[in-house]
Each structure stands twice: as structure tokens, then as C-alpha cells.
Protein backbone atom coordinates (compact mmCIF):
# COMPACT_ATOMS: atom_id res chain seq x y z
CA MET A 1 213.21 210.07 250.12
CA SER A 2 215.10 208.36 253.00
CA ASN A 3 218.69 209.01 254.10
CA ALA A 4 221.25 206.25 254.74
CA SER A 5 223.19 206.11 258.03
CA SER A 6 226.78 204.89 258.47
CA GLY A 7 225.64 201.40 259.53
CA ASP A 8 223.10 200.94 256.75
CA THR A 9 223.65 199.01 253.55
CA ALA A 10 224.73 200.84 250.39
CA VAL A 11 221.36 200.45 248.71
CA HIS A 12 217.92 200.54 250.32
CA MET A 13 214.73 199.04 248.97
CA SER A 14 211.27 200.41 249.50
CA ASN A 15 208.81 198.48 251.64
CA ALA A 16 206.89 197.38 248.59
CA GLY A 17 209.95 195.84 246.96
CA GLY A 18 211.92 194.37 249.94
CA LEU A 19 214.58 191.66 249.53
CA GLY A 20 215.12 188.48 251.52
CA PRO A 21 217.97 188.30 254.09
CA GLU A 22 220.33 186.39 251.79
CA ALA A 23 219.77 188.69 248.83
CA ALA A 24 220.19 191.76 251.04
CA GLN A 25 223.46 190.40 252.43
CA ALA A 26 224.78 189.65 248.93
CA LEU A 27 223.83 193.14 247.74
CA GLN A 28 225.57 194.69 250.76
CA CYS A 29 228.77 192.78 250.02
CA LEU A 30 228.61 193.86 246.40
CA ALA A 31 228.22 197.51 247.39
CA LEU A 32 231.19 197.30 249.74
CA ASP A 33 233.32 195.67 247.04
CA CYS A 34 232.40 198.38 244.56
CA ARG A 35 233.42 201.05 247.03
CA THR A 36 236.87 199.52 247.41
CA ARG A 37 237.35 199.64 243.64
CA VAL A 38 236.53 203.34 243.23
CA ILE A 39 239.40 205.18 241.55
CA PRO A 40 240.54 208.14 243.66
CA ALA A 41 239.37 211.44 242.22
CA PRO A 42 242.15 213.65 240.79
CA SER A 43 243.20 216.68 242.75
CA TRP A 44 241.70 220.05 241.91
CA GLN A 45 245.10 221.28 240.75
CA ASP A 46 245.32 218.39 238.27
CA VAL A 47 241.87 219.17 236.91
CA VAL A 48 242.74 222.86 236.51
CA ARG A 49 246.05 222.03 234.79
CA ASP A 50 244.43 219.63 232.30
CA THR A 51 241.64 222.09 231.59
CA VAL A 52 244.10 224.91 230.95
CA GLN A 53 246.13 222.74 228.56
CA LEU A 54 243.01 221.82 226.60
CA ARG A 55 241.86 225.45 226.44
CA VAL A 56 245.30 226.67 225.37
CA ALA A 57 245.53 224.10 222.56
CA SER A 58 242.02 224.95 221.39
CA GLY A 59 242.84 228.65 221.64
CA TYR A 60 245.87 228.24 219.37
CA PHE A 61 243.75 226.64 216.67
CA GLU A 62 241.03 229.26 216.98
CA ALA A 63 243.58 232.07 216.87
CA ALA A 64 245.23 230.58 213.78
CA THR A 65 241.96 230.37 211.86
CA ALA A 66 240.96 233.88 212.94
CA ALA A 67 244.37 235.21 211.87
CA GLY A 68 243.98 233.52 208.48
CA LEU A 69 240.57 235.11 207.97
CA LEU A 70 241.88 238.51 209.06
CA THR A 71 244.75 238.19 206.56
CA ASP A 72 242.23 237.46 203.80
CA GLU A 73 240.05 240.43 204.65
CA VAL A 74 242.87 242.93 205.11
CA SER A 75 244.55 241.88 201.84
CA LEU A 76 241.24 242.11 199.95
CA ALA A 77 240.40 245.46 201.52
CA SER A 78 243.84 246.76 200.58
CA ALA A 79 243.44 245.61 196.97
CA ASP A 80 239.86 246.92 196.73
CA GLN A 81 240.65 250.34 198.22
CA TRP A 82 241.26 252.11 194.92
CA PRO A 83 242.84 255.57 194.81
CA ALA A 84 240.34 258.39 194.39
CA ASP A 85 241.81 259.52 191.06
CA VAL A 86 241.52 256.03 189.57
CA SER A 87 237.86 255.81 190.59
CA ALA A 88 237.27 259.33 189.25
CA ALA A 89 238.91 258.39 185.94
CA LEU A 90 236.72 255.29 185.60
CA GLU A 91 233.66 257.37 186.40
CA HIS A 92 234.70 259.88 183.74
CA LEU A 93 235.00 257.00 181.29
CA GLY A 94 231.59 255.66 182.33
CA ARG A 95 233.05 252.33 183.52
CA LEU A 96 233.09 252.65 187.29
CA ASP A 97 230.07 250.39 187.89
CA ALA A 98 231.56 247.73 185.66
CA TYR A 99 234.85 247.47 187.54
CA SER A 100 234.56 249.10 190.96
CA PRO A 101 235.09 246.69 193.91
CA THR A 102 232.22 248.40 195.71
CA THR A 103 229.66 247.11 193.19
CA LEU A 104 228.50 243.51 192.98
CA ARG A 105 229.15 243.45 189.24
CA GLY A 106 232.60 244.93 189.60
CA LEU A 107 233.67 242.52 192.35
CA PHE A 108 233.54 239.48 190.12
CA THR A 109 234.58 241.08 186.84
CA HIS A 110 237.84 239.69 185.53
CA LEU A 111 239.79 240.58 182.40
CA THR A 112 242.44 238.99 180.25
CA ARG A 113 245.91 240.47 180.23
CA ALA A 114 245.22 242.28 176.96
CA GLN A 115 241.93 243.68 178.27
CA THR A 116 243.59 244.79 181.49
CA ASN A 117 246.35 246.60 179.60
CA GLY A 118 243.79 248.34 177.42
CA LEU A 119 241.81 249.48 180.44
CA ILE A 120 244.98 250.68 182.18
CA ASN A 121 245.91 252.81 179.17
CA SER A 122 242.40 254.33 179.06
CA VAL A 123 242.45 255.12 182.77
CA LYS A 124 245.95 256.62 182.50
CA GLY A 125 244.69 259.01 179.84
CA ALA A 126 241.63 259.92 181.89
CA THR A 127 243.69 260.56 185.03
CA LEU A 128 245.94 262.86 183.01
CA GLU A 129 242.93 264.81 181.75
CA LEU A 130 241.50 265.24 185.24
CA HIS A 131 244.94 266.08 186.66
CA VAL A 132 245.60 268.82 184.08
CA VAL A 133 242.13 270.36 184.45
CA ASP A 134 242.51 270.41 188.22
CA ARG A 135 245.93 272.08 188.05
CA ILE A 136 244.77 274.78 185.63
CA ASN A 137 241.64 275.48 187.68
CA HIS A 138 243.84 275.91 190.75
CA GLY A 139 246.06 278.53 189.16
CA ASP A 140 248.79 276.54 187.38
CA THR A 141 248.95 277.71 183.74
CA LEU A 142 251.43 274.92 182.79
CA ASP A 143 253.11 277.53 180.53
CA LEU A 144 250.25 277.15 178.07
CA PRO A 145 249.53 279.80 175.44
CA GLY A 146 247.11 282.45 176.66
CA THR A 147 247.94 281.74 180.37
CA PRO A 148 244.56 280.06 180.98
CA ASP A 149 242.86 280.32 184.37
CA HIS A 150 240.11 277.80 183.66
CA ALA A 151 239.78 274.51 181.80
CA VAL A 152 236.95 272.11 180.97
CA LEU A 153 236.94 268.60 179.57
CA ALA A 154 235.47 267.86 176.17
CA HIS A 155 231.89 266.65 176.42
CA ASP A 156 232.56 263.81 174.01
CA LEU A 157 235.07 261.20 175.12
CA ASN A 158 235.96 260.66 171.46
CA GLN A 159 236.42 264.32 170.66
CA PRO A 160 238.92 264.35 167.74
CA GLY A 161 242.13 266.35 168.14
CA TRP A 162 241.75 267.72 171.69
CA ASP A 163 240.59 266.72 175.18
CA VAL A 164 240.58 270.00 177.16
CA GLU A 165 239.44 273.50 176.27
CA THR A 166 241.17 276.39 178.07
CA PHE A 167 239.87 279.85 178.98
CA GLN A 168 241.20 283.16 180.28
CA GLN A 169 238.66 285.27 182.17
CA GLY A 170 235.86 283.42 180.44
CA HIS A 171 237.31 283.73 176.91
CA HIS A 172 238.48 280.77 174.92
CA VAL A 173 242.25 280.72 174.48
CA GLY A 174 243.06 277.25 173.18
CA TYR A 175 242.77 273.47 173.09
CA LEU A 176 244.95 270.85 174.69
CA GLN A 177 245.47 267.20 173.77
CA MET A 178 246.47 264.53 176.36
CA LYS A 179 249.00 261.74 175.73
CA GLU A 180 249.89 259.76 178.85
CA SER A 181 252.73 257.74 177.36
CA ALA A 182 256.49 257.47 177.30
CA HIS A 183 256.61 256.99 173.51
CA PRO A 184 257.25 260.06 171.32
CA GLY A 185 255.75 258.30 168.32
CA LEU A 186 252.26 259.08 169.66
CA LEU A 187 253.16 262.77 169.79
CA ALA A 188 254.42 262.76 166.21
CA GLU A 189 251.29 260.93 165.07
CA HIS A 190 249.06 263.51 166.74
CA LEU A 191 250.87 266.46 165.12
CA GLU A 192 250.61 264.78 161.75
CA ARG A 193 246.85 264.20 162.06
CA TYR A 194 245.89 267.40 163.89
CA PRO A 195 248.43 270.15 163.21
CA GLN A 196 245.79 272.74 164.22
CA TYR A 197 246.03 271.46 167.82
CA PRO A 198 249.77 271.47 168.53
CA ASP A 199 249.62 271.76 172.33
CA VAL A 200 249.98 268.39 174.04
CA ALA A 201 250.19 267.57 177.75
CA THR A 202 252.26 264.44 178.22
CA SER A 203 254.94 262.80 180.36
CA HIS A 204 258.50 263.87 181.06
CA GLU A 205 259.72 260.65 179.44
CA ALA A 206 257.88 261.36 176.17
CA VAL A 207 259.17 264.95 175.97
CA ALA A 208 262.75 263.80 176.64
CA ALA A 209 262.49 261.06 174.00
CA ALA A 210 260.99 263.52 171.47
CA ARG A 211 263.81 265.98 172.09
CA ALA A 212 266.36 263.19 171.61
CA ARG A 213 264.78 262.42 168.23
CA GLY A 214 265.16 266.06 167.16
CA MET A 215 261.46 266.92 167.34
CA ASP A 216 260.21 270.44 168.12
CA VAL A 217 259.04 270.15 171.74
CA SER A 218 257.98 273.80 172.22
CA HIS A 219 254.30 272.77 172.28
CA PHE A 220 254.80 269.71 174.48
CA HIS A 221 254.09 270.19 178.18
CA ALA A 222 255.57 267.62 180.56
CA VAL A 223 253.22 267.24 183.53
CA THR A 224 253.57 263.62 184.70
CA ASN A 225 256.00 260.77 185.18
CA ASP A 226 254.67 257.94 183.04
CA ALA A 227 256.36 255.16 185.01
CA ALA A 228 254.84 256.42 188.26
CA VAL A 229 251.38 256.84 186.72
CA THR A 230 251.52 253.36 185.20
CA HIS A 231 252.51 251.81 188.53
CA HIS A 232 249.81 253.80 190.31
CA VAL A 233 246.98 252.73 188.00
CA GLN A 234 248.22 249.19 187.54
CA GLY A 235 248.32 248.74 191.32
CA ALA A 236 244.53 249.05 191.38
CA LEU A 237 243.39 247.61 188.06
CA GLY A 238 245.94 244.80 188.05
CA HIS A 239 243.63 242.94 190.46
CA LEU A 240 240.90 242.52 187.85
CA THR A 241 241.81 238.86 187.34
CA ALA A 242 239.96 235.57 187.68
CA ALA A 243 242.16 234.61 190.65
CA HIS A 244 241.25 237.79 192.53
CA ALA A 245 237.55 237.36 191.72
CA ALA A 246 237.69 233.84 193.20
CA HIS A 247 239.52 235.14 196.25
CA GLU A 248 236.72 237.65 196.84
CA ALA A 249 234.35 234.73 197.51
CA ILE A 250 236.77 232.16 198.98
CA PRO A 251 238.93 233.02 202.04
CA GLU A 252 242.08 231.24 200.91
CA PHE A 253 244.38 232.06 203.85
CA ALA A 254 241.71 231.07 206.35
CA LEU A 255 241.11 227.73 204.64
CA ALA A 256 244.85 227.03 204.58
CA ALA A 257 245.10 227.76 208.32
CA ILE A 258 242.09 225.54 209.03
CA LEU A 259 243.54 222.60 207.07
CA VAL A 260 246.89 222.91 208.85
CA ALA A 261 245.13 223.00 212.22
CA GLY A 262 243.13 219.92 211.22
CA VAL A 263 246.30 218.00 210.43
CA LEU A 264 247.79 219.03 213.78
CA ARG A 265 244.68 217.79 215.55
CA LEU A 266 245.07 214.40 213.87
CA ARG A 267 248.71 214.22 214.86
CA ALA A 268 247.73 215.05 218.43
CA GLY A 269 245.55 211.91 218.50
CA GLN A 270 242.12 213.29 217.72
CA GLN A 271 239.76 210.96 215.89
CA PRO A 272 239.52 211.61 212.12
CA GLN A 273 235.73 212.07 212.35
CA GLU A 274 236.08 214.68 215.08
CA ALA A 275 238.89 216.51 213.28
CA GLY A 276 236.91 216.45 210.03
CA ARG A 277 233.84 217.85 211.78
CA TRP A 278 235.93 220.67 213.25
CA VAL A 279 237.47 221.49 209.86
CA ALA A 280 234.03 221.56 208.21
CA GLU A 281 232.60 223.83 210.90
CA GLN A 282 235.52 226.24 210.75
CA ALA A 283 235.48 226.36 206.94
CA ALA A 284 231.75 227.10 206.94
CA THR A 285 232.23 229.82 209.55
CA ALA A 286 235.05 231.43 207.56
CA GLY A 287 232.94 231.33 204.39
CA VAL A 288 229.96 232.96 206.08
CA ALA A 289 232.17 235.63 207.66
CA ASN A 290 233.87 236.42 204.34
CA LEU A 291 230.53 236.76 202.55
CA ALA A 292 229.24 239.00 205.35
CA GLY A 293 232.26 241.27 204.93
CA LEU A 294 231.74 241.29 201.18
CA ALA A 295 228.07 242.23 201.61
CA VAL A 296 228.96 245.12 203.93
CA GLN A 297 231.56 246.37 201.43
CA VAL A 298 229.00 246.43 198.62
CA ALA A 299 226.12 247.78 200.74
CA THR A 300 228.08 250.66 202.24
CA GLY A 301 230.59 251.29 199.46
CA THR A 302 233.23 251.42 202.19
CA VAL A 303 236.03 248.89 201.78
CA ILE A 304 237.60 249.49 205.19
CA LEU A 305 234.53 248.05 206.95
CA ARG A 306 235.05 244.64 205.38
CA PRO A 307 237.60 243.22 207.89
CA VAL A 308 235.57 244.50 210.84
CA ALA A 309 232.35 242.93 209.55
CA ALA A 310 234.02 239.63 208.68
CA ILE A 311 235.79 239.16 212.02
CA GLY A 312 232.71 240.24 213.95
CA THR A 313 230.58 237.74 212.03
CA ARG A 314 233.08 234.96 212.62
CA PHE A 315 233.02 235.39 216.39
CA ALA A 316 229.24 235.80 216.42
CA VAL A 317 228.78 232.53 214.50
CA ALA A 318 231.31 230.72 216.71
CA ARG A 319 229.58 231.94 219.86
CA ALA A 320 226.16 230.94 218.56
CA ARG A 321 227.47 227.48 217.65
CA THR A 322 229.02 227.02 221.10
CA GLY A 323 225.77 228.07 222.77
CA TRP A 324 223.76 225.68 220.61
CA VAL A 325 226.07 222.75 221.38
CA ALA A 326 225.96 223.49 225.12
CA LEU A 327 222.16 223.75 225.03
CA LYS A 328 221.91 220.48 223.11
CA HIS A 329 224.17 218.65 225.59
CA LEU A 330 222.30 220.03 228.59
CA GLY A 331 219.00 218.95 227.06
CA ALA A 332 220.33 215.45 226.47
CA LEU A 333 221.62 215.21 230.04
CA ARG A 334 218.33 216.44 231.43
CA GLN A 335 216.44 213.86 229.39
CA GLN A 336 218.76 211.06 230.52
CA LEU A 337 218.51 212.06 234.19
CA GLY A 338 214.74 212.24 233.90
CA GLY A 339 214.66 208.74 232.44
CA VAL A 340 216.88 207.39 235.23
CA ARG A 341 214.74 209.02 237.89
CA LYS A 342 211.55 207.65 236.36
CA ALA A 343 212.98 204.14 236.10
CA ALA A 344 214.18 204.27 239.71
CA ARG A 345 210.77 205.32 240.94
CA GLU A 346 209.06 202.56 238.96
CA ARG A 347 211.35 199.95 240.59
CA GLY A 348 210.86 201.31 244.08
CA TYR A 349 214.42 202.58 244.65
CA THR A 350 215.03 205.39 247.07
CA SER A 351 217.87 207.91 246.82
CA TRP A 352 221.24 206.94 248.24
CA VAL A 353 223.41 209.29 250.24
CA PRO A 354 227.03 208.40 251.19
CA ALA A 355 227.46 207.46 254.82
CA ASP A 356 229.67 210.45 255.66
CA LEU A 357 227.07 212.88 254.32
CA ALA A 358 224.18 210.99 255.89
CA GLY A 359 225.87 211.17 259.30
CA SER A 360 226.24 214.94 259.00
CA ASN A 361 222.55 215.47 258.33
């Protein structure tokens, strides 16, 4: 390829495709005119400033969508991190797989209000049973007859009249019924049906209400606060709703942040097609990340790993998409430059070097 000197014309022709004197003169004038019309290049400082502004704006949108996804995952992990005693109570009832947020079936199970209340009452009773057995086996006699040092749950969940059998040095000393409730009517009903099992472990509220009604409370043992137990169990099982099941699959906060960012992009002058493409990409990324976090939660049975897996997946997908777009653009540029070079060779053009650079060679 030949180099142009400062006195040469702007464009050279190969020997095989030379121009006549008039055509060469006209082409030289055209080249000179084009040079006078070149817009001065912006300063490096201007380029850096514009680039920083674009990156900062893009960073705000990316940060907003990531924050929305993180809010989704943390809130879901908080709701799905059930207390150990609630999980133990469900396992005792044989219902853990049906409702646990660490099983695929349990994640999308949702109950009506009446079903939820029924389950809460069952779990409250089971937590009371486990709580009383644990206290007795750790040396708390609860002022029970025979001062038991050991207790076991009834093998049958529907055992009539009693829920726990108590022992002293390996010898049977009594039976104990559980009533996790604040209503003394349940205590009176039990004594009427099963007078042979008078000892009942219940709440402070139920014992106080029974005493106020003039009932004999000598066989009632207050071991819990019913309001606190109800709040404790309801805090976990209250999420077994259709709305929460939908939220497990759909990152609502992330989608809201993405839509807001899309509107801001439109207001900033971005074309609707470009803004729509960005919204679709971000929504798909958030959905994939949320499902990845959900899969890790189910696979490991560890709720706390969900936010980590989801955020990690989001950034991995975003990075892969950026790499793919860059590779696609570079491939297109390479193809275009190859076509230009081929066409130039076919027409006999040689490369052109500005006069100032040619003079330095």
C-alpha cells in the first residue's frame, strides 16, 4: 500500500485504474472541500464527561433494579425462615412436607382464611405438647402430681383424653392433656368428657379466665402466654396465601423498579422501542434470578441462601448478556470492515494516510 505525501492529492488511484487530468483535478478539489467541512473533534475531557454521565445514569437504573430484586429475596427469605418449633410441630403433625417453604409442594400451597386458622390452632397445640415435654425432660416438673422427671408424647395424634404420659424414675405417674387456648370453656369441656384425666397444661389467660368463672383450677397448669404463641405461629403460617405463593415465583418489587426505570428512560428521551427492550431484558433477568434463588432454597433446604443465589444469578446473566452484545457488535464491525476492504481492493483503491502522518513516516 502506498503512502500519501503533503503535496499529493487526497485520494490516489492505482496504475490500473488511473483518472484523466480533469477528473483528477476535480477529485482533488472535492477532497480539499471535504476537509474544510470536517467538524472539530471534541476534547478528551468532553468525551470523558459525557461517558461518565451516561455510565452514572445507567448505573442508577441498574442499582434500582438490583435493589428491587434484593428486597424481594430478603422479604421472601424472612417470611420463609420459619421458627424451629413451628417446623417441629408441623413435622409432629405429619404436615411439614405439605406446607414447608423448603419443599416445592409447600412453596406454592395456599389456604383460605378458615383453613389457615385451623392449621394455626393445630400447630399451637403441637408446639405446646413439644414445649411441655421438653421442659419436663430438662428437670421442670411444672408442679405436676408425682414430680415427673420424664415425659413422652402419645403415639396416636388422636389419643382421647391425654397427650403426654409422665414418668418418675421410669415409673408411670400420670397423664397430661394440652389446651393451647385462652378460652376456659375448652377446659370445662375436657373435664366433663374425661374426668379421669384432670391435669391440663394450658395458657395463663385460660387459667385466669377459669378462676374468674369460679372453676377449680388446682389441676390446671399455666405454661404459656396464648397471645404470644398465637402471634408466633401466625407470623409463619400467615404467609400460606395465594398472594404469597404468587410472590414466590414473581419478583414484584423488582418488576416495579424496572417499570419505573423504564418510564424515566422515556422521559429522558430514549426511544420507546429501546426502552421497551431494556424493560423486557431486565424483567427476564429478574425472573431468572428469582427462580434460581427459589431452586437453591428448595435444593439445600436453607432459606438464607436464596438472596445470595438470586443476586449472584442476576449479575451473572447481566454480564453474559453484555459480553454477548459486545461480541455481536464486534463481529458486525469486523464483517463491515472486511466488506469495505474487499470492495476497495476490487476497485483498485490504495490506502490513504493524512498528510501530517505521511510526512512523519
